[in-house]
PDBML (XML) file of the C-alpha atoms, coordinates in Angstrom:
<?xml version="1.0" encoding="UTF-8" ?>
<PDBx:datablock datablockName="MODEL"
   xmlns:PDBx="http://pdbml.pdb.org/schema/pdbx-v50.xsd"
   xmlns:xsi="http://www.w3.org/2001/XMLSchema-instance"
   xsi:schemaLocation="http://pdbml.pdb.org/schema/pdbx-v50.xsd pdbx-v50.xsd">
   <PDBx:atom_siteCategory>
      <PDBx:atom_site id="1">
         <PDBx:B_iso_or_equiv>0.00</PDBx:B_iso_or_equiv>
         <PDBx:Cartn_x>55.691</PDBx:Cartn_x>
         <PDBx:Cartn_y>132.881</PDBx:Cartn_y>
         <PDBx:Cartn_z>33.541</PDBx:Cartn_z>
         <PDBx:auth_asym_id>A</PDBx:auth_asym_id>
         <PDBx:auth_atom_id>CA</PDBx:auth_atom_id>
         <PDBx:auth_comp_id>GLU</PDBx:auth_comp_id>
         <PDBx:auth_seq_id>1</PDBx:auth_seq_id>
         <PDBx:group_PDB>ATOM</PDBx:group_PDB>
         <PDBx:label_alt_id xsi:nil="true" />
         <PDBx:label_asym_id>A</PDBx:label_asym_id>
         <PDBx:label_atom_id>CA</PDBx:label_atom_id>
         <PDBx:label_comp_id>GLU</PDBx:label_comp_id>
         <PDBx:label_entity_id>1</PDBx:label_entity_id>
         <PDBx:label_seq_id>1</PDBx:label_seq_id>
         <PDBx:occupancy>1.00</PDBx:occupancy>
         <PDBx:pdbx_PDB_model_num>1</PDBx:pdbx_PDB_model_num>
         <PDBx:type_symbol>C</PDBx:type_symbol>
      </PDBx:atom_site>
      <PDBx:atom_site id="2">
         <PDBx:B_iso_or_equiv>0.00</PDBx:B_iso_or_equiv>
         <PDBx:Cartn_x>56.331</PDBx:Cartn_x>
         <PDBx:Cartn_y>131.382</PDBx:Cartn_y>
         <PDBx:Cartn_z>29.865</PDBx:Cartn_z>
         <PDBx:auth_asym_id>A</PDBx:auth_asym_id>
         <PDBx:auth_atom_id>CA</PDBx:auth_atom_id>
         <PDBx:auth_comp_id>LEU</PDBx:auth_comp_id>
         <PDBx:auth_seq_id>2</PDBx:auth_seq_id>
         <PDBx:group_PDB>ATOM</PDBx:group_PDB>
         <PDBx:label_alt_id xsi:nil="true" />
         <PDBx:label_asym_id>A</PDBx:label_asym_id>
         <PDBx:label_atom_id>CA</PDBx:label_atom_id>
         <PDBx:label_comp_id>LEU</PDBx:label_comp_id>
         <PDBx:label_entity_id>1</PDBx:label_entity_id>
         <PDBx:label_seq_id>2</PDBx:label_seq_id>
         <PDBx:occupancy>1.00</PDBx:occupancy>
         <PDBx:pdbx_PDB_model_num>1</PDBx:pdbx_PDB_model_num>
         <PDBx:type_symbol>C</PDBx:type_symbol>
      </PDBx:atom_site>
      <PDBx:atom_site id="3">
         <PDBx:B_iso_or_equiv>0.00</PDBx:B_iso_or_equiv>
         <PDBx:Cartn_x>59.679</PDBx:Cartn_x>
         <PDBx:Cartn_y>132.601</PDBx:Cartn_y>
         <PDBx:Cartn_z>30.048</PDBx:Cartn_z>
         <PDBx:auth_asym_id>A</PDBx:auth_asym_id>
         <PDBx:auth_atom_id>CA</PDBx:auth_atom_id>
         <PDBx:auth_comp_id>GLN</PDBx:auth_comp_id>
         <PDBx:auth_seq_id>3</PDBx:auth_seq_id>
         <PDBx:group_PDB>ATOM</PDBx:group_PDB>
         <PDBx:label_alt_id xsi:nil="true" />
         <PDBx:label_asym_id>A</PDBx:label_asym_id>
         <PDBx:label_atom_id>CA</PDBx:label_atom_id>
         <PDBx:label_comp_id>GLN</PDBx:label_comp_id>
         <PDBx:label_entity_id>1</PDBx:label_entity_id>
         <PDBx:label_seq_id>3</PDBx:label_seq_id>
         <PDBx:occupancy>1.00</PDBx:occupancy>
         <PDBx:pdbx_PDB_model_num>1</PDBx:pdbx_PDB_model_num>
         <PDBx:type_symbol>C</PDBx:type_symbol>
      </PDBx:atom_site>
      <PDBx:atom_site id="4">
         <PDBx:B_iso_or_equiv>0.00</PDBx:B_iso_or_equiv>
         <PDBx:Cartn_x>60.232</PDBx:Cartn_x>
         <PDBx:Cartn_y>130.941</PDBx:Cartn_y>
         <PDBx:Cartn_z>33.284</PDBx:Cartn_z>
         <PDBx:auth_asym_id>A</PDBx:auth_asym_id>
         <PDBx:auth_atom_id>CA</PDBx:auth_atom_id>
         <PDBx:auth_comp_id>ALA</PDBx:auth_comp_id>
         <PDBx:auth_seq_id>4</PDBx:auth_seq_id>
         <PDBx:group_PDB>ATOM</PDBx:group_PDB>
         <PDBx:label_alt_id xsi:nil="true" />
         <PDBx:label_asym_id>A</PDBx:label_asym_id>
         <PDBx:label_atom_id>CA</PDBx:label_atom_id>
         <PDBx:label_comp_id>ALA</PDBx:label_comp_id>
         <PDBx:label_entity_id>1</PDBx:label_entity_id>
         <PDBx:label_seq_id>4</PDBx:label_seq_id>
         <PDBx:occupancy>1.00</PDBx:occupancy>
         <PDBx:pdbx_PDB_model_num>1</PDBx:pdbx_PDB_model_num>
         <PDBx:type_symbol>C</PDBx:type_symbol>
      </PDBx:atom_site>
      <PDBx:atom_site id="5">
         <PDBx:B_iso_or_equiv>0.00</PDBx:B_iso_or_equiv>
         <PDBx:Cartn_x>58.363</PDBx:Cartn_x>
         <PDBx:Cartn_y>127.245</PDBx:Cartn_y>
         <PDBx:Cartn_z>31.975</PDBx:Cartn_z>
         <PDBx:auth_asym_id>A</PDBx:auth_asym_id>
         <PDBx:auth_atom_id>CA</PDBx:auth_atom_id>
         <PDBx:auth_comp_id>ILE</PDBx:auth_comp_id>
         <PDBx:auth_seq_id>5</PDBx:auth_seq_id>
         <PDBx:group_PDB>ATOM</PDBx:group_PDB>
         <PDBx:label_alt_id xsi:nil="true" />
         <PDBx:label_asym_id>A</PDBx:label_asym_id>
         <PDBx:label_atom_id>CA</PDBx:label_atom_id>
         <PDBx:label_comp_id>ILE</PDBx:label_comp_id>
         <PDBx:label_entity_id>1</PDBx:label_entity_id>
         <PDBx:label_seq_id>5</PDBx:label_seq_id>
         <PDBx:occupancy>1.00</PDBx:occupancy>
         <PDBx:pdbx_PDB_model_num>1</PDBx:pdbx_PDB_model_num>
         <PDBx:type_symbol>C</PDBx:type_symbol>
      </PDBx:atom_site>
      <PDBx:atom_site id="6">
         <PDBx:B_iso_or_equiv>0.00</PDBx:B_iso_or_equiv>
         <PDBx:Cartn_x>60.602</PDBx:Cartn_x>
         <PDBx:Cartn_y>128.109</PDBx:Cartn_y>
         <PDBx:Cartn_z>28.928</PDBx:Cartn_z>
         <PDBx:auth_asym_id>A</PDBx:auth_asym_id>
         <PDBx:auth_atom_id>CA</PDBx:auth_atom_id>
         <PDBx:auth_comp_id>TRP</PDBx:auth_comp_id>
         <PDBx:auth_seq_id>6</PDBx:auth_seq_id>
         <PDBx:group_PDB>ATOM</PDBx:group_PDB>
         <PDBx:label_alt_id xsi:nil="true" />
         <PDBx:label_asym_id>A</PDBx:label_asym_id>
         <PDBx:label_atom_id>CA</PDBx:label_atom_id>
         <PDBx:label_comp_id>TRP</PDBx:label_comp_id>
         <PDBx:label_entity_id>1</PDBx:label_entity_id>
         <PDBx:label_seq_id>6</PDBx:label_seq_id>
         <PDBx:occupancy>1.00</PDBx:occupancy>
         <PDBx:pdbx_PDB_model_num>1</PDBx:pdbx_PDB_model_num>
         <PDBx:type_symbol>C</PDBx:type_symbol>
      </PDBx:atom_site>
      <PDBx:atom_site id="7">
         <PDBx:B_iso_or_equiv>0.00</PDBx:B_iso_or_equiv>
         <PDBx:Cartn_x>64.034</PDBx:Cartn_x>
         <PDBx:Cartn_y>128.297</PDBx:Cartn_y>
         <PDBx:Cartn_z>30.947</PDBx:Cartn_z>
         <PDBx:auth_asym_id>A</PDBx:auth_asym_id>
         <PDBx:auth_atom_id>CA</PDBx:auth_atom_id>
         <PDBx:auth_comp_id>ASP</PDBx:auth_comp_id>
         <PDBx:auth_seq_id>7</PDBx:auth_seq_id>
         <PDBx:group_PDB>ATOM</PDBx:group_PDB>
         <PDBx:label_alt_id xsi:nil="true" />
         <PDBx:label_asym_id>A</PDBx:label_asym_id>
         <PDBx:label_atom_id>CA</PDBx:label_atom_id>
         <PDBx:label_comp_id>ASP</PDBx:label_comp_id>
         <PDBx:label_entity_id>1</PDBx:label_entity_id>
         <PDBx:label_seq_id>7</PDBx:label_seq_id>
         <PDBx:occupancy>1.00</PDBx:occupancy>
         <PDBx:pdbx_PDB_model_num>1</PDBx:pdbx_PDB_model_num>
         <PDBx:type_symbol>C</PDBx:type_symbol>
      </PDBx:atom_site>
      <PDBx:atom_site id="8">
         <PDBx:B_iso_or_equiv>0.00</PDBx:B_iso_or_equiv>
         <PDBx:Cartn_x>62.653</PDBx:Cartn_x>
         <PDBx:Cartn_y>124.970</PDBx:Cartn_y>
         <PDBx:Cartn_z>33.307</PDBx:Cartn_z>
         <PDBx:auth_asym_id>A</PDBx:auth_asym_id>
         <PDBx:auth_atom_id>CA</PDBx:auth_atom_id>
         <PDBx:auth_comp_id>ARG</PDBx:auth_comp_id>
         <PDBx:auth_seq_id>8</PDBx:auth_seq_id>
         <PDBx:group_PDB>ATOM</PDBx:group_PDB>
         <PDBx:label_alt_id xsi:nil="true" />
         <PDBx:label_asym_id>A</PDBx:label_asym_id>
         <PDBx:label_atom_id>CA</PDBx:label_atom_id>
         <PDBx:label_comp_id>ARG</PDBx:label_comp_id>
         <PDBx:label_entity_id>1</PDBx:label_entity_id>
         <PDBx:label_seq_id>8</PDBx:label_seq_id>
         <PDBx:occupancy>1.00</PDBx:occupancy>
         <PDBx:pdbx_PDB_model_num>1</PDBx:pdbx_PDB_model_num>
         <PDBx:type_symbol>C</PDBx:type_symbol>
      </PDBx:atom_site>
      <PDBx:atom_site id="9">
         <PDBx:B_iso_or_equiv>0.00</PDBx:B_iso_or_equiv>
         <PDBx:Cartn_x>62.480</PDBx:Cartn_x>
         <PDBx:Cartn_y>122.746</PDBx:Cartn_y>
         <PDBx:Cartn_z>29.949</PDBx:Cartn_z>
         <PDBx:auth_asym_id>A</PDBx:auth_asym_id>
         <PDBx:auth_atom_id>CA</PDBx:auth_atom_id>
         <PDBx:auth_comp_id>MET</PDBx:auth_comp_id>
         <PDBx:auth_seq_id>9</PDBx:auth_seq_id>
         <PDBx:group_PDB>ATOM</PDBx:group_PDB>
         <PDBx:label_alt_id xsi:nil="true" />
         <PDBx:label_asym_id>A</PDBx:label_asym_id>
         <PDBx:label_atom_id>CA</PDBx:label_atom_id>
         <PDBx:label_comp_id>MET</PDBx:label_comp_id>
         <PDBx:label_entity_id>1</PDBx:label_entity_id>
         <PDBx:label_seq_id>9</PDBx:label_seq_id>
         <PDBx:occupancy>1.00</PDBx:occupancy>
         <PDBx:pdbx_PDB_model_num>1</PDBx:pdbx_PDB_model_num>
         <PDBx:type_symbol>C</PDBx:type_symbol>
      </PDBx:atom_site>
      <PDBx:atom_site id="10">
         <PDBx:B_iso_or_equiv>0.00</PDBx:B_iso_or_equiv>
         <PDBx:Cartn_x>66.031</PDBx:Cartn_x>
         <PDBx:Cartn_y>124.060</PDBx:Cartn_y>
         <PDBx:Cartn_z>29.006</PDBx:Cartn_z>
         <PDBx:auth_asym_id>A</PDBx:auth_asym_id>
         <PDBx:auth_atom_id>CA</PDBx:auth_atom_id>
         <PDBx:auth_comp_id>ASN</PDBx:auth_comp_id>
         <PDBx:auth_seq_id>10</PDBx:auth_seq_id>
         <PDBx:group_PDB>ATOM</PDBx:group_PDB>
         <PDBx:label_alt_id xsi:nil="true" />
         <PDBx:label_asym_id>A</PDBx:label_asym_id>
         <PDBx:label_atom_id>CA</PDBx:label_atom_id>
         <PDBx:label_comp_id>ASN</PDBx:label_comp_id>
         <PDBx:label_entity_id>1</PDBx:label_entity_id>
         <PDBx:label_seq_id>10</PDBx:label_seq_id>
         <PDBx:occupancy>1.00</PDBx:occupancy>
         <PDBx:pdbx_PDB_model_num>1</PDBx:pdbx_PDB_model_num>
         <PDBx:type_symbol>C</PDBx:type_symbol>
      </PDBx:atom_site>
      <PDBx:atom_site id="11">
         <PDBx:B_iso_or_equiv>0.00</PDBx:B_iso_or_equiv>
         <PDBx:Cartn_x>67.669</PDBx:Cartn_x>
         <PDBx:Cartn_y>123.511</PDBx:Cartn_y>
         <PDBx:Cartn_z>32.706</PDBx:Cartn_z>
         <PDBx:auth_asym_id>A</PDBx:auth_asym_id>
         <PDBx:auth_atom_id>CA</PDBx:auth_atom_id>
         <PDBx:auth_comp_id>GLU</PDBx:auth_comp_id>
         <PDBx:auth_seq_id>11</PDBx:auth_seq_id>
         <PDBx:group_PDB>ATOM</PDBx:group_PDB>
         <PDBx:label_alt_id xsi:nil="true" />
         <PDBx:label_asym_id>A</PDBx:label_asym_id>
         <PDBx:label_atom_id>CA</PDBx:label_atom_id>
         <PDBx:label_comp_id>GLU</PDBx:label_comp_id>
         <PDBx:label_entity_id>1</PDBx:label_entity_id>
         <PDBx:label_seq_id>11</PDBx:label_seq_id>
         <PDBx:occupancy>1.00</PDBx:occupancy>
         <PDBx:pdbx_PDB_model_num>1</PDBx:pdbx_PDB_model_num>
         <PDBx:type_symbol>C</PDBx:type_symbol>
      </PDBx:atom_site>
      <PDBx:atom_site id="12">
         <PDBx:B_iso_or_equiv>0.00</PDBx:B_iso_or_equiv>
         <PDBx:Cartn_x>65.807</PDBx:Cartn_x>
         <PDBx:Cartn_y>119.235</PDBx:Cartn_y>
         <PDBx:Cartn_z>31.733</PDBx:Cartn_z>
         <PDBx:auth_asym_id>A</PDBx:auth_asym_id>
         <PDBx:auth_atom_id>CA</PDBx:auth_atom_id>
         <PDBx:auth_comp_id>CYS</PDBx:auth_comp_id>
         <PDBx:auth_seq_id>12</PDBx:auth_seq_id>
         <PDBx:group_PDB>ATOM</PDBx:group_PDB>
         <PDBx:label_alt_id xsi:nil="true" />
         <PDBx:label_asym_id>A</PDBx:label_asym_id>
         <PDBx:label_atom_id>CA</PDBx:label_atom_id>
         <PDBx:label_comp_id>CYS</PDBx:label_comp_id>
         <PDBx:label_entity_id>1</PDBx:label_entity_id>
         <PDBx:label_seq_id>12</PDBx:label_seq_id>
         <PDBx:occupancy>1.00</PDBx:occupancy>
         <PDBx:pdbx_PDB_model_num>1</PDBx:pdbx_PDB_model_num>
         <PDBx:type_symbol>C</PDBx:type_symbol>
      </PDBx:atom_site>
      <PDBx:atom_site id="13">
         <PDBx:B_iso_or_equiv>0.00</PDBx:B_iso_or_equiv>
         <PDBx:Cartn_x>66.874</PDBx:Cartn_x>
         <PDBx:Cartn_y>119.543</PDBx:Cartn_y>
         <PDBx:Cartn_z>28.645</PDBx:Cartn_z>
         <PDBx:auth_asym_id>A</PDBx:auth_asym_id>
         <PDBx:auth_atom_id>CA</PDBx:auth_atom_id>
         <PDBx:auth_comp_id>LYS</PDBx:auth_comp_id>
         <PDBx:auth_seq_id>13</PDBx:auth_seq_id>
         <PDBx:group_PDB>ATOM</PDBx:group_PDB>
         <PDBx:label_alt_id xsi:nil="true" />
         <PDBx:label_asym_id>A</PDBx:label_asym_id>
         <PDBx:label_atom_id>CA</PDBx:label_atom_id>
         <PDBx:label_comp_id>LYS</PDBx:label_comp_id>
         <PDBx:label_entity_id>1</PDBx:label_entity_id>
         <PDBx:label_seq_id>13</PDBx:label_seq_id>
         <PDBx:occupancy>1.00</PDBx:occupancy>
         <PDBx:pdbx_PDB_model_num>1</PDBx:pdbx_PDB_model_num>
         <PDBx:type_symbol>C</PDBx:type_symbol>
      </PDBx:atom_site>
      <PDBx:atom_site id="14">
         <PDBx:B_iso_or_equiv>0.00</PDBx:B_iso_or_equiv>
         <PDBx:Cartn_x>71.229</PDBx:Cartn_x>
         <PDBx:Cartn_y>120.266</PDBx:Cartn_y>
         <PDBx:Cartn_z>30.062</PDBx:Cartn_z>
         <PDBx:auth_asym_id>A</PDBx:auth_asym_id>
         <PDBx:auth_atom_id>CA</PDBx:auth_atom_id>
         <PDBx:auth_comp_id>ILE</PDBx:auth_comp_id>
         <PDBx:auth_seq_id>14</PDBx:auth_seq_id>
         <PDBx:group_PDB>ATOM</PDBx:group_PDB>
         <PDBx:label_alt_id xsi:nil="true" />
         <PDBx:label_asym_id>A</PDBx:label_asym_id>
         <PDBx:label_atom_id>CA</PDBx:label_atom_id>
         <PDBx:label_comp_id>ILE</PDBx:label_comp_id>
         <PDBx:label_entity_id>1</PDBx:label_entity_id>
         <PDBx:label_seq_id>14</PDBx:label_seq_id>
         <PDBx:occupancy>1.00</PDBx:occupancy>
         <PDBx:pdbx_PDB_model_num>1</PDBx:pdbx_PDB_model_num>
         <PDBx:type_symbol>C</PDBx:type_symbol>
      </PDBx:atom_site>
      <PDBx:atom_site id="15">
         <PDBx:B_iso_or_equiv>0.00</PDBx:B_iso_or_equiv>
         <PDBx:Cartn_x>70.860</PDBx:Cartn_x>
         <PDBx:Cartn_y>117.257</PDBx:Cartn_y>
         <PDBx:Cartn_z>32.404</PDBx:Cartn_z>
         <PDBx:auth_asym_id>A</PDBx:auth_asym_id>
         <PDBx:auth_atom_id>CA</PDBx:auth_atom_id>
         <PDBx:auth_comp_id>ARG</PDBx:auth_comp_id>
         <PDBx:auth_seq_id>15</PDBx:auth_seq_id>
         <PDBx:group_PDB>ATOM</PDBx:group_PDB>
         <PDBx:label_alt_id xsi:nil="true" />
         <PDBx:label_asym_id>A</PDBx:label_asym_id>
         <PDBx:label_atom_id>CA</PDBx:label_atom_id>
         <PDBx:label_comp_id>ARG</PDBx:label_comp_id>
         <PDBx:label_entity_id>1</PDBx:label_entity_id>
         <PDBx:label_seq_id>15</PDBx:label_seq_id>
         <PDBx:occupancy>1.00</PDBx:occupancy>
         <PDBx:pdbx_PDB_model_num>1</PDBx:pdbx_PDB_model_num>
         <PDBx:type_symbol>C</PDBx:type_symbol>
      </PDBx:atom_site>
      <PDBx:atom_site id="16">
         <PDBx:B_iso_or_equiv>0.00</PDBx:B_iso_or_equiv>
         <PDBx:Cartn_x>68.807</PDBx:Cartn_x>
         <PDBx:Cartn_y>114.983</PDBx:Cartn_y>
         <PDBx:Cartn_z>30.530</PDBx:Cartn_z>
         <PDBx:auth_asym_id>A</PDBx:auth_asym_id>
         <PDBx:auth_atom_id>CA</PDBx:auth_atom_id>
         <PDBx:auth_comp_id>LEU</PDBx:auth_comp_id>
         <PDBx:auth_seq_id>16</PDBx:auth_seq_id>
         <PDBx:group_PDB>ATOM</PDBx:group_PDB>
         <PDBx:label_alt_id xsi:nil="true" />
         <PDBx:label_asym_id>A</PDBx:label_asym_id>
         <PDBx:label_atom_id>CA</PDBx:label_atom_id>
         <PDBx:label_comp_id>LEU</PDBx:label_comp_id>
         <PDBx:label_entity_id>1</PDBx:label_entity_id>
         <PDBx:label_seq_id>16</PDBx:label_seq_id>
         <PDBx:occupancy>1.00</PDBx:occupancy>
         <PDBx:pdbx_PDB_model_num>1</PDBx:pdbx_PDB_model_num>
         <PDBx:type_symbol>C</PDBx:type_symbol>
      </PDBx:atom_site>
      <PDBx:atom_site id="17">
         <PDBx:B_iso_or_equiv>0.00</PDBx:B_iso_or_equiv>
         <PDBx:Cartn_x>65.486</PDBx:Cartn_x>
         <PDBx:Cartn_y>114.566</PDBx:Cartn_y>
         <PDBx:Cartn_z>32.363</PDBx:Cartn_z>
         <PDBx:auth_asym_id>A</PDBx:auth_asym_id>
         <PDBx:auth_atom_id>CA</PDBx:auth_atom_id>
         <PDBx:auth_comp_id>ASP</PDBx:auth_comp_id>
         <PDBx:auth_seq_id>17</PDBx:auth_seq_id>
         <PDBx:group_PDB>ATOM</PDBx:group_PDB>
         <PDBx:label_alt_id xsi:nil="true" />
         <PDBx:label_asym_id>A</PDBx:label_asym_id>
         <PDBx:label_atom_id>CA</PDBx:label_atom_id>
         <PDBx:label_comp_id>ASP</PDBx:label_comp_id>
         <PDBx:label_entity_id>1</PDBx:label_entity_id>
         <PDBx:label_seq_id>17</PDBx:label_seq_id>
         <PDBx:occupancy>1.00</PDBx:occupancy>
         <PDBx:pdbx_PDB_model_num>1</PDBx:pdbx_PDB_model_num>
         <PDBx:type_symbol>C</PDBx:type_symbol>
      </PDBx:atom_site>
      <PDBx:atom_site id="18">
         <PDBx:B_iso_or_equiv>0.00</PDBx:B_iso_or_equiv>
         <PDBx:Cartn_x>63.169</PDBx:Cartn_x>
         <PDBx:Cartn_y>114.180</PDBx:Cartn_y>
         <PDBx:Cartn_z>29.646</PDBx:Cartn_z>
         <PDBx:auth_asym_id>A</PDBx:auth_asym_id>
         <PDBx:auth_atom_id>CA</PDBx:auth_atom_id>
         <PDBx:auth_comp_id>SER</PDBx:auth_comp_id>
         <PDBx:auth_seq_id>18</PDBx:auth_seq_id>
         <PDBx:group_PDB>ATOM</PDBx:group_PDB>
         <PDBx:label_alt_id xsi:nil="true" />
         <PDBx:label_asym_id>A</PDBx:label_asym_id>
         <PDBx:label_atom_id>CA</PDBx:label_atom_id>
         <PDBx:label_comp_id>SER</PDBx:label_comp_id>
         <PDBx:label_entity_id>1</PDBx:label_entity_id>
         <PDBx:label_seq_id>18</PDBx:label_seq_id>
         <PDBx:occupancy>1.00</PDBx:occupancy>
         <PDBx:pdbx_PDB_model_num>1</PDBx:pdbx_PDB_model_num>
         <PDBx:type_symbol>C</PDBx:type_symbol>
      </PDBx:atom_site>
      <PDBx:atom_site id="19">
         <PDBx:B_iso_or_equiv>0.00</PDBx:B_iso_or_equiv>
         <PDBx:Cartn_x>60.332</PDBx:Cartn_x>
         <PDBx:Cartn_y>113.112</PDBx:Cartn_y>
         <PDBx:Cartn_z>32.637</PDBx:Cartn_z>
         <PDBx:auth_asym_id>A</PDBx:auth_asym_id>
         <PDBx:auth_atom_id>CA</PDBx:auth_atom_id>
         <PDBx:auth_comp_id>LYS</PDBx:auth_comp_id>
         <PDBx:auth_seq_id>19</PDBx:auth_seq_id>
         <PDBx:group_PDB>ATOM</PDBx:group_PDB>
         <PDBx:label_alt_id xsi:nil="true" />
         <PDBx:label_asym_id>A</PDBx:label_asym_id>
         <PDBx:label_atom_id>CA</PDBx:label_atom_id>
         <PDBx:label_comp_id>LYS</PDBx:label_comp_id>
         <PDBx:label_entity_id>1</PDBx:label_entity_id>
         <PDBx:label_seq_id>19</PDBx:label_seq_id>
         <PDBx:occupancy>1.00</PDBx:occupancy>
         <PDBx:pdbx_PDB_model_num>1</PDBx:pdbx_PDB_model_num>
         <PDBx:type_symbol>C</PDBx:type_symbol>
      </PDBx:atom_site>
      <PDBx:atom_site id="20">
         <PDBx:B_iso_or_equiv>0.00</PDBx:B_iso_or_equiv>
         <PDBx:Cartn_x>60.915</PDBx:Cartn_x>
         <PDBx:Cartn_y>116.836</PDBx:Cartn_y>
         <PDBx:Cartn_z>34.337</PDBx:Cartn_z>
         <PDBx:auth_asym_id>A</PDBx:auth_asym_id>
         <PDBx:auth_atom_id>CA</PDBx:auth_atom_id>
         <PDBx:auth_comp_id>GLY</PDBx:auth_comp_id>
         <PDBx:auth_seq_id>20</PDBx:auth_seq_id>
         <PDBx:group_PDB>ATOM</PDBx:group_PDB>
         <PDBx:label_alt_id xsi:nil="true" />
         <PDBx:label_asym_id>A</PDBx:label_asym_id>
         <PDBx:label_atom_id>CA</PDBx:label_atom_id>
         <PDBx:label_comp_id>GLY</PDBx:label_comp_id>
         <PDBx:label_entity_id>1</PDBx:label_entity_id>
         <PDBx:label_seq_id>20</PDBx:label_seq_id>
         <PDBx:occupancy>1.00</PDBx:occupancy>
         <PDBx:pdbx_PDB_model_num>1</PDBx:pdbx_PDB_model_num>
         <PDBx:type_symbol>C</PDBx:type_symbol>
      </PDBx:atom_site>
      <PDBx:atom_site id="21">
         <PDBx:B_iso_or_equiv>0.00</PDBx:B_iso_or_equiv>
         <PDBx:Cartn_x>60.664</PDBx:Cartn_x>
         <PDBx:Cartn_y>118.562</PDBx:Cartn_y>
         <PDBx:Cartn_z>29.833</PDBx:Cartn_z>
         <PDBx:auth_asym_id>A</PDBx:auth_asym_id>
         <PDBx:auth_atom_id>CA</PDBx:auth_atom_id>
         <PDBx:auth_comp_id>PHE</PDBx:auth_comp_id>
         <PDBx:auth_seq_id>21</PDBx:auth_seq_id>
         <PDBx:group_PDB>ATOM</PDBx:group_PDB>
         <PDBx:label_alt_id xsi:nil="true" />
         <PDBx:label_asym_id>A</PDBx:label_asym_id>
         <PDBx:label_atom_id>CA</PDBx:label_atom_id>
         <PDBx:label_comp_id>PHE</PDBx:label_comp_id>
         <PDBx:label_entity_id>1</PDBx:label_entity_id>
         <PDBx:label_seq_id>21</PDBx:label_seq_id>
         <PDBx:occupancy>1.00</PDBx:occupancy>
         <PDBx:pdbx_PDB_model_num>1</PDBx:pdbx_PDB_model_num>
         <PDBx:type_symbol>C</PDBx:type_symbol>
      </PDBx:atom_site>
      <PDBx:atom_site id="22">
         <PDBx:B_iso_or_equiv>0.00</PDBx:B_iso_or_equiv>
         <PDBx:Cartn_x>57.803</PDBx:Cartn_x>
         <PDBx:Cartn_y>116.753</PDBx:Cartn_y>
         <PDBx:Cartn_z>29.822</PDBx:Cartn_z>
         <PDBx:auth_asym_id>A</PDBx:auth_asym_id>
         <PDBx:auth_atom_id>CA</PDBx:auth_atom_id>
         <PDBx:auth_comp_id>GLY</PDBx:auth_comp_id>
         <PDBx:auth_seq_id>22</PDBx:auth_seq_id>
         <PDBx:group_PDB>ATOM</PDBx:group_PDB>
         <PDBx:label_alt_id xsi:nil="true" />
         <PDBx:label_asym_id>A</PDBx:label_asym_id>
         <PDBx:label_atom_id>CA</PDBx:label_atom_id>
         <PDBx:label_comp_id>GLY</PDBx:label_comp_id>
         <PDBx:label_entity_id>1</PDBx:label_entity_id>
         <PDBx:label_seq_id>22</PDBx:label_seq_id>
         <PDBx:occupancy>1.00</PDBx:occupancy>
         <PDBx:pdbx_PDB_model_num>1</PDBx:pdbx_PDB_model_num>
         <PDBx:type_symbol>C</PDBx:type_symbol>
      </PDBx:atom_site>
      <PDBx:atom_site id="23">
         <PDBx:B_iso_or_equiv>0.00</PDBx:B_iso_or_equiv>
         <PDBx:Cartn_x>56.200</PDBx:Cartn_x>
         <PDBx:Cartn_y>118.123</PDBx:Cartn_y>
         <PDBx:Cartn_z>32.902</PDBx:Cartn_z>
         <PDBx:auth_asym_id>A</PDBx:auth_asym_id>
         <PDBx:auth_atom_id>CA</PDBx:auth_atom_id>
         <PDBx:auth_comp_id>GLU</PDBx:auth_comp_id>
         <PDBx:auth_seq_id>23</PDBx:auth_seq_id>
         <PDBx:group_PDB>ATOM</PDBx:group_PDB>
         <PDBx:label_alt_id xsi:nil="true" />
         <PDBx:label_asym_id>A</PDBx:label_asym_id>
         <PDBx:label_atom_id>CA</PDBx:label_atom_id>
         <PDBx:label_comp_id>GLU</PDBx:label_comp_id>
         <PDBx:label_entity_id>1</PDBx:label_entity_id>
         <PDBx:label_seq_id>23</PDBx:label_seq_id>
         <PDBx:occupancy>1.00</PDBx:occupancy>
         <PDBx:pdbx_PDB_model_num>1</PDBx:pdbx_PDB_model_num>
         <PDBx:type_symbol>C</PDBx:type_symbol>
      </PDBx:atom_site>
      <PDBx:atom_site id="24">
         <PDBx:B_iso_or_equiv>0.00</PDBx:B_iso_or_equiv>
         <PDBx:Cartn_x>57.645</PDBx:Cartn_x>
         <PDBx:Cartn_y>121.735</PDBx:Cartn_y>
         <PDBx:Cartn_z>31.908</PDBx:Cartn_z>
         <PDBx:auth_asym_id>A</PDBx:auth_asym_id>
         <PDBx:auth_atom_id>CA</PDBx:auth_atom_id>
         <PDBx:auth_comp_id>ALA</PDBx:auth_comp_id>
         <PDBx:auth_seq_id>24</PDBx:auth_seq_id>
         <PDBx:group_PDB>ATOM</PDBx:group_PDB>
         <PDBx:label_alt_id xsi:nil="true" />
         <PDBx:label_asym_id>A</PDBx:label_asym_id>
         <PDBx:label_atom_id>CA</PDBx:label_atom_id>
         <PDBx:label_comp_id>ALA</PDBx:label_comp_id>
         <PDBx:label_entity_id>1</PDBx:label_entity_id>
         <PDBx:label_seq_id>24</PDBx:label_seq_id>
         <PDBx:occupancy>1.00</PDBx:occupancy>
         <PDBx:pdbx_PDB_model_num>1</PDBx:pdbx_PDB_model_num>
         <PDBx:type_symbol>C</PDBx:type_symbol>
      </PDBx:atom_site>
   </PDBx:atom_siteCategory>
</PDBx:datablock>
C-alpha cells in the first residue's frame, strides 16, 4: 500500500498535479 501511494505521487509529479501530489 505504501508503494501504491508512492506510485500515485510519482504520477502526479509527471502531470504537475500539485493538489493530487499533496493528497497522496
